[in-house]
PDB file of all heavy atoms in Angstrom:
ATOM      1  N   SER A   1       3.753  36.960  35.469  1.00  0.00           N
ATOM      2  CA  SER A   1       3.577  36.290  34.149  1.00  0.00           C
ATOM      3  C   SER A   1       3.589  37.262  32.973  1.00  0.00           C
ATOM      4  O   SER A   1       3.732  36.842  31.850  1.00  0.00           O
ATOM      5  CB  SER A   1       2.240  35.529  34.160  1.00  0.00           C
ATOM      6  OG  SER A   1       1.127  36.452  34.190  1.00  0.00           O
ATOM      7  N   LYS A   2       3.371  38.586  33.281  1.00  0.00           N
ATOM      8  CA  LYS A   2       3.398  39.637  32.280  1.00  0.00           C
ATOM      9  C   LYS A   2       2.308  39.475  31.214  1.00  0.00           C
ATOM     10  O   LYS A   2       2.458  39.823  30.041  1.00  0.00           O
ATOM     11  CB  LYS A   2       4.757  39.738  31.610  1.00  0.00           C
ATOM     12  CG  LYS A   2       5.920  39.994  32.529  1.00  0.00           C
ATOM     13  CD  LYS A   2       7.206  40.229  31.838  1.00  0.00           C
ATOM     14  CE  LYS A   2       8.389  40.438  32.803  1.00  0.00           C
ATOM     15  NZ  LYS A   2       8.198  41.495  33.824  1.00  0.00           N
ATOM     16  N   VAL A   3       1.171  38.941  31.656  1.00  0.00           N
ATOM     17  CA  VAL A   3      -0.003  38.895  30.772  1.00  0.00           C
ATOM     18  C   VAL A   3      -0.824  40.110  31.016  1.00  0.00           C
ATOM     19  O   VAL A   3      -0.756  40.766  32.085  1.00  0.00           O
ATOM     20  CB  VAL A   3      -0.845  37.636  30.980  1.00  0.00           C
ATOM     21  CG1 VAL A   3       0.019  36.387  30.746  1.00  0.00           C
ATOM     22  CG2 VAL A   3      -1.430  37.571  32.397  1.00  0.00           C
ATOM     23  N   PRO A   4      -1.710  40.539  30.066  1.00  0.00           N
ATOM     24  CA  PRO A   4      -2.634  41.657  30.315  1.00  0.00           C
ATOM     25  C   PRO A   4      -3.524  41.414  31.562  1.00  0.00           C
ATOM     26  O   PRO A   4      -3.982  40.273  31.758  1.00  0.00           O
ATOM     27  CB  PRO A   4      -3.463  41.712  29.031  1.00  0.00           C
ATOM     28  CG  PRO A   4      -2.606  41.090  28.019  1.00  0.00           C
ATOM     29  CD  PRO A   4      -1.837  40.023  28.676  1.00  0.00           C
ATOM     30  N   LYS A   5      -3.717  42.422  32.347  1.00  0.00           N
ATOM     31  CA  LYS A   5      -4.475  42.260  33.589  1.00  0.00           C
ATOM     32  C   LYS A   5      -5.877  41.773  33.357  1.00  0.00           C
ATOM     33  O   LYS A   5      -6.455  41.025  34.174  1.00  0.00           O
ATOM     34  CB  LYS A   5      -4.483  43.572  34.373  1.00  0.00           C
ATOM     35  CG  LYS A   5      -3.127  43.904  34.998  1.00  0.00           C
ATOM     36  CD  LYS A   5      -3.214  45.137  35.852  1.00  0.00           C
ATOM     37  CE  LYS A   5      -1.852  45.441  36.503  1.00  0.00           C
ATOM     38  NZ  LYS A   5      -1.871  46.665  37.361  1.00  0.00           N
ATOM     39  N   ASP A   6      -6.488  42.147  32.194  1.00  0.00           N
ATOM     40  CA  ASP A   6      -7.864  41.702  31.957  1.00  0.00           C
ATOM     41  C   ASP A   6      -7.979  40.296  31.427  1.00  0.00           C
ATOM     42  O   ASP A   6      -9.092  39.816  31.171  1.00  0.00           O
ATOM     43  CB  ASP A   6      -8.573  42.716  30.998  1.00  0.00           C
ATOM     44  CG  ASP A   6      -7.915  42.792  29.642  1.00  0.00           C
ATOM     45  OD1 ASP A   6      -6.829  42.160  29.472  1.00  0.00           O
ATOM     46  OD2 ASP A   6      -8.453  43.451  28.763  1.00  0.00           O
ATOM     47  N   PHE A   7      -6.827  39.656  31.276  1.00  0.00           N
ATOM     48  CA  PHE A   7      -6.829  38.254  30.848  1.00  0.00           C
ATOM     49  C   PHE A   7      -7.327  37.361  31.977  1.00  0.00           C
ATOM     50  O   PHE A   7      -7.948  36.304  31.693  1.00  0.00           O
ATOM     51  CB  PHE A   7      -5.390  37.846  30.430  1.00  0.00           C
ATOM     52  CG  PHE A   7      -5.244  36.369  30.189  1.00  0.00           C
ATOM     53  CD1 PHE A   7      -5.921  35.746  29.136  1.00  0.00           C
ATOM     54  CD2 PHE A   7      -4.375  35.606  30.960  1.00  0.00           C
ATOM     55  CE1 PHE A   7      -5.764  34.394  28.877  1.00  0.00           C
ATOM     56  CE2 PHE A   7      -4.244  34.233  30.742  1.00  0.00           C
ATOM     57  CZ  PHE A   7      -4.891  33.634  29.666  1.00  0.00           C
ATOM     58  N   VAL A   8      -7.112  37.726  33.194  1.00  0.00           N
ATOM     59  CA  VAL A   8      -7.495  36.913  34.358  1.00  0.00           C
ATOM     60  C   VAL A   8      -8.638  37.569  35.154  1.00  0.00           C
ATOM     61  O   VAL A   8      -8.648  38.749  35.381  1.00  0.00           O
ATOM     62  CB  VAL A   8      -6.287  36.689  35.296  1.00  0.00           C
ATOM     63  CG1 VAL A   8      -6.677  35.747  36.464  1.00  0.00           C
ATOM     64  CG2 VAL A   8      -5.092  36.101  34.551  1.00  0.00           C
ATOM     65  N   ILE A   9      -9.613  36.749  35.501  1.00  0.00           N
ATOM     66  CA  ILE A   9     -10.680  37.177  36.429  1.00  0.00           C
ATOM     67  C   ILE A   9     -10.555  36.377  37.702  1.00  0.00           C
ATOM     68  O   ILE A   9     -10.615  35.146  37.682  1.00  0.00           O
ATOM     69  CB  ILE A   9     -12.077  36.971  35.798  1.00  0.00           C
ATOM     70  CG1 ILE A   9     -12.238  37.830  34.553  1.00  0.00           C
ATOM     71  CG2 ILE A   9     -13.165  37.270  36.806  1.00  0.00           C
ATOM     72  CD1 ILE A   9     -13.575  37.611  33.858  1.00  0.00           C
ATOM     73  N   LEU A  10     -10.414  37.072  38.817  1.00  0.00           N
ATOM     74  CA  LEU A  10     -10.343  36.416  40.138  1.00  0.00           C
ATOM     75  C   LEU A  10     -11.754  36.407  40.730  1.00  0.00           C
ATOM     76  O   LEU A  10     -12.419  37.416  40.861  1.00  0.00           O
ATOM     77  CB  LEU A  10      -9.411  37.171  41.070  1.00  0.00           C
ATOM     78  CG  LEU A  10      -7.933  37.250  40.618  1.00  0.00           C
ATOM     79  CD1 LEU A  10      -7.107  38.052  41.701  1.00  0.00           C
ATOM     80  CD2 LEU A  10      -7.354  35.891  40.383  1.00  0.00           C
ATOM     81  N   ARG A  11     -12.204  35.161  41.069  1.00  0.00           N
ATOM     82  CA  ARG A  11     -13.567  35.034  41.616  1.00  0.00           C
ATOM     83  C   ARG A  11     -13.442  34.686  43.072  1.00  0.00           C
ATOM     84  O   ARG A  11     -12.986  33.577  43.453  1.00  0.00           O
ATOM     85  CB  ARG A  11     -14.319  33.950  40.807  1.00  0.00           C
ATOM     86  CG  ARG A  11     -14.370  34.216  39.307  1.00  0.00           C
ATOM     87  CD  ARG A  11     -15.393  33.426  38.609  1.00  0.00           C
ATOM     88  NE  ARG A  11     -15.184  32.006  38.662  1.00  0.00           N
ATOM     89  CZ  ARG A  11     -15.974  31.125  38.045  1.00  0.00           C
ATOM     90  NH1 ARG A  11     -17.049  31.527  37.371  1.00  0.00           N
ATOM     91  NH2 ARG A  11     -15.696  29.825  38.039  1.00  0.00           N
ATOM     92  N   ASP A  12     -13.852  35.564  43.939  1.00  0.00           N
ATOM     93  CA  ASP A  12     -13.780  35.336  45.402  1.00  0.00           C
ATOM     94  C   ASP A  12     -14.916  34.452  45.885  1.00  0.00           C
ATOM     95  O   ASP A  12     -16.089  34.880  45.980  1.00  0.00           O
ATOM     96  CB  ASP A  12     -13.738  36.657  46.185  1.00  0.00           C
ATOM     97  CG  ASP A  12     -14.615  37.755  45.564  1.00  0.00           C
ATOM     98  OD1 ASP A  12     -15.174  37.507  44.503  1.00  0.00           O
ATOM     99  OD2 ASP A  12     -14.707  38.810  46.143  1.00  0.00           O
ATOM    100  N   ARG A  13     -14.608  33.245  46.200  1.00  0.00           N
ATOM    101  CA  ARG A  13     -15.615  32.226  46.590  1.00  0.00           C
ATOM    102  C   ARG A  13     -15.198  31.532  47.895  1.00  0.00           C
ATOM    103  O   ARG A  13     -15.447  30.334  48.055  1.00  0.00           O
ATOM    104  CB  ARG A  13     -15.783  31.247  45.448  1.00  0.00           C
ATOM    105  CG  ARG A  13     -16.426  31.872  44.239  1.00  0.00           C
ATOM    106  CD  ARG A  13     -16.703  30.884  43.150  1.00  0.00           C
ATOM    107  NE  ARG A  13     -17.636  31.499  42.199  1.00  0.00           N
ATOM    108  CZ  ARG A  13     -18.087  30.864  41.115  1.00  0.00           C
ATOM    109  NH1 ARG A  13     -17.693  29.683  40.823  1.00  0.00           N
ATOM    110  NH2 ARG A  13     -18.953  31.508  40.323  1.00  0.00           N
ATOM    111  N   TRP A  14     -14.526  32.208  48.787  1.00  0.00           N
ATOM    112  CA  TRP A  14     -14.162  31.611  50.043  1.00  0.00           C
ATOM    113  C   TRP A  14     -15.358  31.374  50.933  1.00  0.00           C
ATOM    114  O   TRP A  14     -16.343  32.097  50.816  1.00  0.00           O
ATOM    115  CB  TRP A  14     -13.076  32.430  50.772  1.00  0.00           C
ATOM    116  CG  TRP A  14     -13.357  33.885  50.786  1.00  0.00           C
ATOM    117  CD1 TRP A  14     -14.161  34.575  51.668  1.00  0.00           C
ATOM    118  CD2 TRP A  14     -12.826  34.879  49.889  1.00  0.00           C
ATOM    119  NE1 TRP A  14     -14.118  35.909  51.354  1.00  0.00           N
ATOM    120  CE2 TRP A  14     -13.331  36.108  50.308  1.00  0.00           C
ATOM    121  CE3 TRP A  14     -11.932  34.833  48.828  1.00  0.00           C
ATOM    122  CZ2 TRP A  14     -13.006  37.308  49.649  1.00  0.00           C
ATOM    123  CZ3 TRP A  14     -11.617  36.002  48.196  1.00  0.00           C
ATOM    124  CH2 TRP A  14     -12.162  37.208  48.587  1.00  0.00           C
ATOM    125  N   TYR A  15     -15.179  30.441  51.809  1.00  0.00           N
ATOM    126  CA  TYR A  15     -16.330  29.975  52.617  1.00  0.00           C
ATOM    127  C   TYR A  15     -16.759  30.939  53.617  1.00  0.00           C
ATOM    128  O   TYR A  15     -15.990  31.528  54.383  1.00  0.00           O
ATOM    129  CB  TYR A  15     -15.977  28.661  53.325  1.00  0.00           C
ATOM    130  CG  TYR A  15     -17.009  28.237  54.361  1.00  0.00           C
ATOM    131  CD1 TYR A  15     -18.225  27.827  53.955  1.00  0.00           C
ATOM    132  CD2 TYR A  15     -16.767  28.365  55.723  1.00  0.00           C
ATOM    133  CE1 TYR A  15     -19.181  27.452  54.849  1.00  0.00           C
ATOM    134  CE2 TYR A  15     -17.753  28.040  56.629  1.00  0.00           C
ATOM    135  CZ  TYR A  15     -18.950  27.578  56.223  1.00  0.00           C
ATOM    136  OH  TYR A  15     -19.902  27.233  57.104  1.00  0.00           O
ATOM    137  N   ASP A  16     -18.065  31.196  53.696  1.00  0.00           N
ATOM    138  CA  ASP A  16     -18.727  31.881  54.745  1.00  0.00           C
ATOM    139  C   ASP A  16     -20.177  31.365  54.726  1.00  0.00           C
ATOM    140  O   ASP A  16     -20.864  31.527  53.741  1.00  0.00           O
ATOM    141  CB  ASP A  16     -18.704  33.377  54.552  1.00  0.00           C
ATOM    142  CG  ASP A  16     -19.282  34.171  55.704  1.00  0.00           C
ATOM    143  OD1 ASP A  16     -20.309  33.737  56.240  1.00  0.00           O
ATOM    144  OD2 ASP A  16     -18.708  35.190  56.065  1.00  0.00           O
ATOM    145  N   SER A  17     -20.601  30.800  55.795  1.00  0.00           N
ATOM    146  CA  SER A  17     -21.907  30.162  55.827  1.00  0.00           C
ATOM    147  C   SER A  17     -23.041  31.118  55.461  1.00  0.00           C
ATOM    148  O   SER A  17     -24.116  30.704  55.008  1.00  0.00           O
ATOM    149  CB  SER A  17     -22.180  29.512  57.176  1.00  0.00           C
ATOM    150  OG  SER A  17     -22.134  30.482  58.210  1.00  0.00           O
ATOM    151  N   LYS A  18     -22.803  32.370  55.696  1.00  0.00           N
ATOM    152  CA  LYS A  18     -23.801  33.404  55.420  1.00  0.00           C
ATOM    153  C   LYS A  18     -23.801  33.822  53.923  1.00  0.00           C
ATOM    154  O   LYS A  18     -24.713  34.511  53.499  1.00  0.00           O
ATOM    155  CB  LYS A  18     -23.636  34.615  56.320  1.00  0.00           C
ATOM    156  CG  LYS A  18     -23.842  34.348  57.786  1.00  0.00           C
ATOM    157  CD  LYS A  18     -23.674  35.622  58.605  1.00  0.00           C
ATOM    158  CE  LYS A  18     -23.871  35.341  60.048  1.00  0.00           C
ATOM    159  NZ  LYS A  18     -23.686  36.545  60.881  1.00  0.00           N
ATOM    160  N   LYS A  19     -22.763  33.442  53.246  1.00  0.00           N
ATOM    161  CA  LYS A  19     -22.613  33.894  51.846  1.00  0.00           C
ATOM    162  C   LYS A  19     -22.652  32.711  50.901  1.00  0.00           C
ATOM    163  O   LYS A  19     -22.330  32.859  49.721  1.00  0.00           O
ATOM    164  CB  LYS A  19     -21.286  34.621  51.653  1.00  0.00           C
ATOM    165  CG  LYS A  19     -21.147  35.885  52.387  1.00  0.00           C
ATOM    166  CD  LYS A  19     -19.817  36.504  52.140  1.00  0.00           C
ATOM    167  CE  LYS A  19     -19.526  37.690  53.023  1.00  0.00           C
ATOM    168  NZ  LYS A  19     -18.148  38.176  52.809  1.00  0.00           N
ATOM    169  N   ASP A  20     -22.969  31.571  51.333  1.00  0.00           N
ATOM    170  CA  ASP A  20     -22.965  30.314  50.542  1.00  0.00           C
ATOM    171  C   ASP A  20     -21.808  30.186  49.567  1.00  0.00           C
ATOM    172  O   ASP A  20     -21.973  29.859  48.430  1.00  0.00           O
ATOM    173  CB  ASP A  20     -24.306  30.121  49.811  1.00  0.00           C
ATOM    174  CG  ASP A  20     -24.630  31.149  48.690  1.00  0.00           C
ATOM    175  OD1 ASP A  20     -23.713  31.889  48.339  1.00  0.00           O
ATOM    176  OD2 ASP A  20     -25.738  31.124  48.188  1.00  0.00           O
ATOM    177  N   TYR A  21     -20.607  30.421  50.154  1.00  0.00           N
ATOM    178  CA  TYR A  21     -19.369  30.229  49.404  1.00  0.00           C
ATOM    179  C   TYR A  21     -19.167  31.219  48.293  1.00  0.00           C
ATOM    180  O   TYR A  21     -18.313  31.050  47.428  1.00  0.00           O
ATOM    181  CB  TYR A  21     -19.259  28.816  48.865  1.00  0.00           C
ATOM    182  CG  TYR A  21     -19.317  27.729  49.910  1.00  0.00           C
ATOM    183  CD1 TYR A  21     -20.521  27.251  50.315  1.00  0.00           C
ATOM    184  CD2 TYR A  21     -18.181  27.162  50.443  1.00  0.00           C
ATOM    185  CE1 TYR A  21     -20.645  26.234  51.251  1.00  0.00           C
ATOM    186  CE2 TYR A  21     -18.233  26.167  51.388  1.00  0.00           C
ATOM    187  CZ  TYR A  21     -19.475  25.689  51.787  1.00  0.00           C
ATOM    188  OH  TYR A  21     -19.552  24.702  52.694  1.00  0.00           O
ATOM    189  N   GLY A  22     -19.928  32.272  48.255  1.00  0.00           N
ATOM    190  CA  GLY A  22     -19.819  33.218  47.152  1.00  0.00           C
ATOM    191  C   GLY A  22     -20.485  32.662  45.901  1.00  0.00           C
ATOM    192  O   GLY A  22     -20.320  33.248  44.836  1.00  0.00           O
ATOM    193  N   LEU A  23     -21.148  31.565  45.999  1.00  0.00           N
ATOM    194  CA  LEU A  23     -21.785  30.935  44.836  1.00  0.00           C
ATOM    195  C   LEU A  23     -23.288  30.942  45.029  1.00  0.00           C
ATOM    196  O   LEU A  23     -23.796  31.044  46.118  1.00  0.00           O
ATOM    197  CB  LEU A  23     -21.356  29.478  44.723  1.00  0.00           C
ATOM    198  CG  LEU A  23     -19.893  29.135  44.590  1.00  0.00           C
ATOM    199  CD1 LEU A  23     -19.637  27.693  44.858  1.00  0.00           C
ATOM    200  CD2 LEU A  23     -19.454  29.495  43.181  1.00  0.00           C
ATOM    201  N   LYS A  24     -23.976  30.866  43.918  1.00  0.00           N
ATOM    202  CA  LYS A  24     -25.436  30.606  44.021  1.00  0.00           C
ATOM    203  C   LYS A  24     -25.502  29.054  43.930  1.00  0.00           C
ATOM    204  O   LYS A  24     -25.348  28.458  42.883  1.00  0.00           O
ATOM    205  CB  LYS A  24     -26.190  31.208  42.843  1.00  0.00           C
ATOM    206  CG  LYS A  24     -27.647  30.783  42.762  1.00  0.00           C
ATOM    207  CD  LYS A  24     -28.396  31.168  43.980  1.00  0.00           C
ATOM    208  CE  LYS A  24     -29.859  30.780  43.916  1.00  0.00           C
ATOM    209  NZ  LYS A  24     -30.021  29.382  44.164  1.00  0.00           N
ATOM    210  N   LEU A  25     -25.624  28.481  45.108  1.00  0.00           N
ATOM    211  CA  LEU A  25     -25.606  26.987  45.179  1.00  0.00           C
ATOM    212  C   LEU A  25     -26.850  26.394  44.644  1.00  0.00           C
ATOM    213  O   LEU A  25     -27.975  26.800  45.016  1.00  0.00           O
ATOM    214  CB  LEU A  25     -25.390  26.572  46.625  1.00  0.00           C
ATOM    215  CG  LEU A  25     -24.033  26.950  47.255  1.00  0.00           C
ATOM    216  CD1 LEU A  25     -24.015  26.567  48.710  1.00  0.00           C
ATOM    217  CD2 LEU A  25     -22.910  26.296  46.463  1.00  0.00           C
ATOM    218  N   THR A  26     -26.746  25.403  43.804  1.00  0.00           N
ATOM    219  CA  THR A  26     -27.903  24.585  43.402  1.00  0.00           C
ATOM    220  C   THR A  26     -27.665  23.166  43.940  1.00  0.00           C
ATOM    221  O   THR A  26     -26.560  22.864  44.449  1.00  0.00           O
ATOM    222  CB  THR A  26     -27.984  24.504  41.872  1.00  0.00           C
ATOM    223  OG1 THR A  26     -26.914  23.684  41.336  1.00  0.00           O
ATOM    224  CG2 THR A  26     -27.924  25.893  41.238  1.00  0.00           C
ATOM    225  N   ASN A  27     -28.662  22.335  43.835  1.00  0.00           N
ATOM    226  CA  ASN A  27     -28.565  20.993  44.341  1.00  0.00           C
ATOM    227  C   ASN A  27     -27.947  20.037  43.336  1.00  0.00           C
ATOM    228  O   ASN A  27     -27.951  18.823  43.556  1.00  0.00           O
ATOM    229  CB  ASN A  27     -29.909  20.466  44.833  1.00  0.00           C
ATOM    230  CG  ASN A  27     -30.927  20.358  43.692  1.00  0.00           C
ATOM    231  OD1 ASN A  27     -30.626  20.482  42.506  1.00  0.00           O
ATOM    232  ND2 ASN A  27     -32.185  20.177  44.044  1.00  0.00           N
ATOM    233  N   ARG A  28     -27.436  20.531  42.185  1.00  0.00           N
ATOM    234  CA  ARG A  28     -26.806  19.733  41.154  1.00  0.00           C
ATOM    235  C   ARG A  28     -27.752  18.581  40.747  1.00  0.00           C
ATOM    236  O   ARG A  28     -27.356  17.421  40.848  1.00  0.00           O
ATOM    237  CB  ARG A  28     -25.445  19.181  41.629  1.00  0.00           C
ATOM    238  CG  ARG A  28     -24.511  20.225  42.171  1.00  0.00           C
ATOM    239  CD  ARG A  28     -23.964  21.114  41.098  1.00  0.00           C
ATOM    240  NE  ARG A  28     -22.872  21.975  41.647  1.00  0.00           N
ATOM    241  CZ  ARG A  28     -22.176  22.820  40.903  1.00  0.00           C
ATOM    242  NH1 ARG A  28     -22.455  22.960  39.629  1.00  0.00           N
ATOM    243  NH2 ARG A  28     -21.246  23.569  41.454  1.00  0.00           N
ATOM    244  N   THR A  29     -28.922  18.948  40.342  1.00  0.00           N
ATOM    245  CA  THR A  29     -29.976  17.993  39.955  1.00  0.00           C
ATOM    246  C   THR A  29     -30.224  16.934  41.069  1.00  0.00           C
ATOM    247  O   THR A  29     -30.440  15.771  40.795  1.00  0.00           O
ATOM    248  CB  THR A  29     -29.704  17.275  38.632  1.00  0.00           C
ATOM    249  OG1 THR A  29     -28.529  16.520  38.764  1.00  0.00           O
ATOM    250  CG2 THR A  29     -29.495  18.277  37.526  1.00  0.00           C
ATOM    251  N   GLY A  30     -30.295  17.404  42.303  1.00  0.00           N
ATOM    252  CA  GLY A  30     -30.602  16.544  43.421  1.00  0.00           C
ATOM    253  C   GLY A  30     -29.407  15.753  43.958  1.00  0.00           C
ATOM    254  O   GLY A  30     -29.589  14.899  44.864  1.00  0.00           O
ATOM    255  N   THR A  31     -28.228  16.010  43.450  1.00  0.00           N
ATOM    256  CA  THR A  31     -27.032  15.281  43.883  1.00  0.00           C
ATOM    257  C   THR A  31     -26.568  15.653  45.288  1.00  0.00           C
ATOM    258  O   THR A  31     -26.126  14.832  46.049  1.00  0.00           O
ATOM    259  CB  THR A  31     -25.869  15.494  42.887  1.00  0.00           C
ATOM    260  OG1 THR A  31     -26.327  15.096  41.550  1.00  0.00           O
ATOM    261  CG2 THR A  31     -24.677  14.661  43.266  1.00  0.00           C
ATOM    262  N   ILE A  32     -26.647  16.958  45.601  1.00  0.00           N
ATOM    263  CA  ILE A  32     -26.208  17.434  46.908  1.00  0.00           C
ATOM    264  C   ILE A  32     -27.287  18.294  47.518  1.00  0.00           C
ATOM    265  O   ILE A  32     -28.147  18.823  46.841  1.00  0.00           O
ATOM    266  CB  ILE A  32     -24.878  18.198  46.844  1.00  0.00           C
ATOM    267  CG1 ILE A  32     -24.993  19.388  45.903  1.00  0.00           C
ATOM    268  CG2 ILE A  32     -23.747  17.304  46.424  1.00  0.00           C
ATOM    269  CD1 ILE A  32     -23.783  20.326  45.929  1.00  0.00           C
ATOM    270  N   ASN A  33     -27.197  18.560  48.809  1.00  0.00           N
ATOM    271  CA  ASN A  33     -28.115  19.422  49.479  1.00  0.00           C
ATOM    272  C   ASN A  33     -27.309  20.198  50.519  1.00  0.00           C
ATOM    273  O   ASN A  33     -26.970  19.664  51.586  1.00  0.00           O
ATOM    274  CB  ASN A  33     -29.231  18.618  50.193  1.00  0.00           C
ATOM    275  CG  ASN A  33     -30.246  19.506  50.843  1.00  0.00           C
ATOM    276  OD1 ASN A  33     -30.324  20.718  50.538  1.00  0.00           O
ATOM    277  ND2 ASN A  33     -30.984  18.952  51.800  1.00  0.00           N
ATOM    278  N   ILE A  34     -27.030  21.433  50.249  1.00  0.00           N
ATOM    279  CA  ILE A  34     -26.242  22.284  51.134  1.00  0.00           C
ATOM    280  C   ILE A  34     -26.672  23.740  50.983  1.00  0.00           C
ATOM    281  O   ILE A  34     -27.021  24.195  49.903  1.00  0.00           O
ATOM    282  CB  ILE A  34     -24.729  22.130  50.862  1.00  0.00           C
ATOM    283  CG1 ILE A  34     -23.929  22.882  51.928  1.00  0.00           C
ATOM    284  CG2 ILE A  34     -24.413  22.596  49.484  1.00  0.00           C
ATOM    285  CD1 ILE A  34     -22.433  22.567  51.842  1.00  0.00           C
ATOM    286  N   GLY A  35     -26.581  24.450  52.063  1.00  0.00           N
ATOM    287  CA  GLY A  35     -26.888  25.873  51.990  1.00  0.00           C
ATOM    288  C   GLY A  35     -28.378  26.167  51.991  1.00  0.00           C
ATOM    289  O   GLY A  35     -29.231  25.252  52.071  1.00  0.00           O
ATOM    290  N   ASP A  36     -28.734  27.406  51.890  1.00  0.00           N
ATOM    291  CA  ASP A  36     -30.129  27.834  51.803  1.00  0.00           C
ATOM    292  C   ASP A  36     -30.608  27.786  50.383  1.00  0.00           C
ATOM    293  O   ASP A  36     -30.471  28.700  49.610  1.00  0.00           O
ATOM    294  CB  ASP A  36     -30.261  29.284  52.365  1.00  0.00           C
ATOM    295  CG  ASP A  36     -31.687  29.758  52.430  1.00  0.00           C
ATOM    296  OD1 ASP A  36     -32.578  28.878  52.402  1.00  0.00           O
ATOM    297  OD2 ASP A  36     -31.887  30.986  52.541  1.00  0.00           O
ATOM    298  N   GLN A  37     -31.157  26.663  49.992  1.00  0.00           N
ATOM    299  CA  GLN A  37     -31.519  26.425  48.607  1.00  0.00           C
ATOM    300  C   GLN A  37     -32.974  26.687  48.326  1.00  0.00           C
ATOM    301  O   GLN A  37     -33.829  26.557  49.214  1.00  0.00           O
ATOM    302  CB  GLN A  37     -31.168  24.969  48.235  1.00  0.00           C
ATOM    303  CG  GLN A  37     -29.687  24.652  48.308  1.00  0.00           C
ATOM    304  CD  GLN A  37     -29.354  23.270  47.847  1.00  0.00           C
ATOM    305  OE1 GLN A  37     -30.182  22.350  47.860  1.00  0.00           O
ATOM    306  NE2 GLN A  37     -28.164  23.089  47.372  1.00  0.00           N
ATOM    307  N   GLU A  38     -33.262  27.054  47.075  1.00  0.00           N
ATOM    308  CA  GLU A  38     -34.605  27.232  46.662  1.00  0.00           C
ATOM    309  C   GLU A  38     -35.332  25.908  46.547  1.00  0.00           C
ATOM    310  O   GLU A  38     -34.745  24.908  46.334  1.00  0.00           O
ATOM    311  CB  GLU A  38     -34.646  27.950  45.331  1.00  0.00           C
ATOM    312  CG  GLU A  38     -34.022  29.326  45.323  1.00  0.00           C
ATOM    313  CD  GLU A  38     -33.952  29.913  43.924  1.00  0.00           C
ATOM    314  OE1 GLU A  38     -34.516  29.277  43.003  1.00  0.00           O
ATOM    315  OE2 GLU A  38     -33.369  30.991  43.753  1.00  0.00           O
ATOM    316  N   GLU A  39     -36.666  25.979  46.690  1.00  0.00           N
ATOM    317  CA  GLU A  39     -37.471  24.797  46.493  1.00  0.00           C
ATOM    318  C   GLU A  39     -37.494  24.400  45.046  1.00  0.00           C
ATOM    319  O   GLU A  39     -37.372  25.232  44.143  1.00  0.00           O
ATOM    320  CB  GLU A  39     -38.896  25.056  47.008  1.00  0.00           C
ATOM    321  CG  GLU A  39     -38.975  25.227  48.548  1.00  0.00           C
ATOM    322  CD  GLU A  39     -40.440  25.397  48.978  1.00  0.00           C
ATOM    323  OE1 GLU A  39     -41.337  25.269  48.127  1.00  0.00           O
ATOM    324  OE2 GLU A  39     -40.657  25.612  50.184  1.00  0.00           O
ATOM    325  N   ILE A  40     -37.683  23.116  44.811  1.00  0.00           N
ATOM    326  CA  ILE A  40     -37.765  22.626  43.440  1.00  0.00           C
ATOM    327  C   ILE A  40     -39.106  22.984  42.882  1.00  0.00           C
ATOM    328  O   ILE A  40     -40.150  22.727  43.431  1.00  0.00           O
ATOM    329  CB  ILE A  40     -37.560  21.108  43.374  1.00  0.00           C
ATOM    330  CG1 ILE A  40     -36.221  20.715  43.928  1.00  0.00           C
ATOM    331  CG2 ILE A  40     -37.793  20.546  41.974  1.00  0.00           C
ATOM    332  CD1 ILE A  40     -36.046  19.304  44.201  1.00  0.00           C
ATOM    333  N   GLY A  41     -39.132  23.681  41.736  1.00  0.00           N
ATOM    334  CA  GLY A  41     -40.367  24.074  41.097  1.00  0.00           C
ATOM    335  C   GLY A  41     -40.671  23.202  39.911  1.00  0.00           C
ATOM    336  O   GLY A  41     -39.888  23.181  38.949  1.00  0.00           O
ATOM    337  N   LYS A  42     -41.776  22.508  39.963  1.00  0.00           N
ATOM    338  CA  LYS A  42     -42.105  21.622  38.875  1.00  0.00           C
ATOM    339  C   LYS A  42     -42.313  22.286  37.562  1.00  0.00           C
ATOM    340  O   LYS A  42     -42.133  21.731  36.476  1.00  0.00           O
ATOM    341  CB  LYS A  42     -43.383  20.802  39.233  1.00  0.00           C
ATOM    342  CG  LYS A  42     -43.727  19.683  38.281  1.00  0.00           C
ATOM    343  CD  LYS A  42     -44.930  18.881  38.731  1.00  0.00           C
ATOM    344  CE  LYS A  42     -45.284  17.787  37.753  1.00  0.00           C
ATOM    345  NZ  LYS A  42     -46.459  16.990  38.191  1.00  0.00           N
ATOM    346  N   TYR A  43     -42.746  23.550  37.603  1.00  0.00           N
ATOM    347  CA  TYR A  43     -43.055  24.305  36.390  1.00  0.00           C
ATOM    348  C   TYR A  43     -42.110  25.470  36.149  1.00  0.00           C
ATOM    349  O   TYR A  43     -42.530  26.512  35.673  1.00  0.00           O
ATOM    350  CB  TYR A  43     -44.505  24.723  36.403  1.00  0.00           C
ATOM    351  CG  TYR A  43     -45.491  23.573  36.521  1.00  0.00           C
ATOM    352  CD1 TYR A  43     -46.118  23.307  37.729  1.00  0.00           C
ATOM    353  CD2 TYR A  43     -45.754  22.741  35.431  1.00  0.00           C
ATOM    354  CE1 TYR A  43     -46.999  22.266  37.836  1.00  0.00           C
ATOM    355  CE2 TYR A  43     -46.593  21.671  35.558  1.00  0.00           C
ATOM    356  CZ  TYR A  43     -47.239  21.428  36.788  1.00  0.00           C
ATOM    357  OH  TYR A  43     -48.086  20.371  36.890  1.00  0.00           O
TER     358      TYR A  43
END
């Protein structure tokens, strides 16, 4: 494409159950429940 190299950021997020997809998974306000998630803190 001949664009500057710093124009693009590649984010490695391939699946590995031990790495939670390379993401910090949240429950999307209770919509989903997957991975090792933190407990909901009322405060």
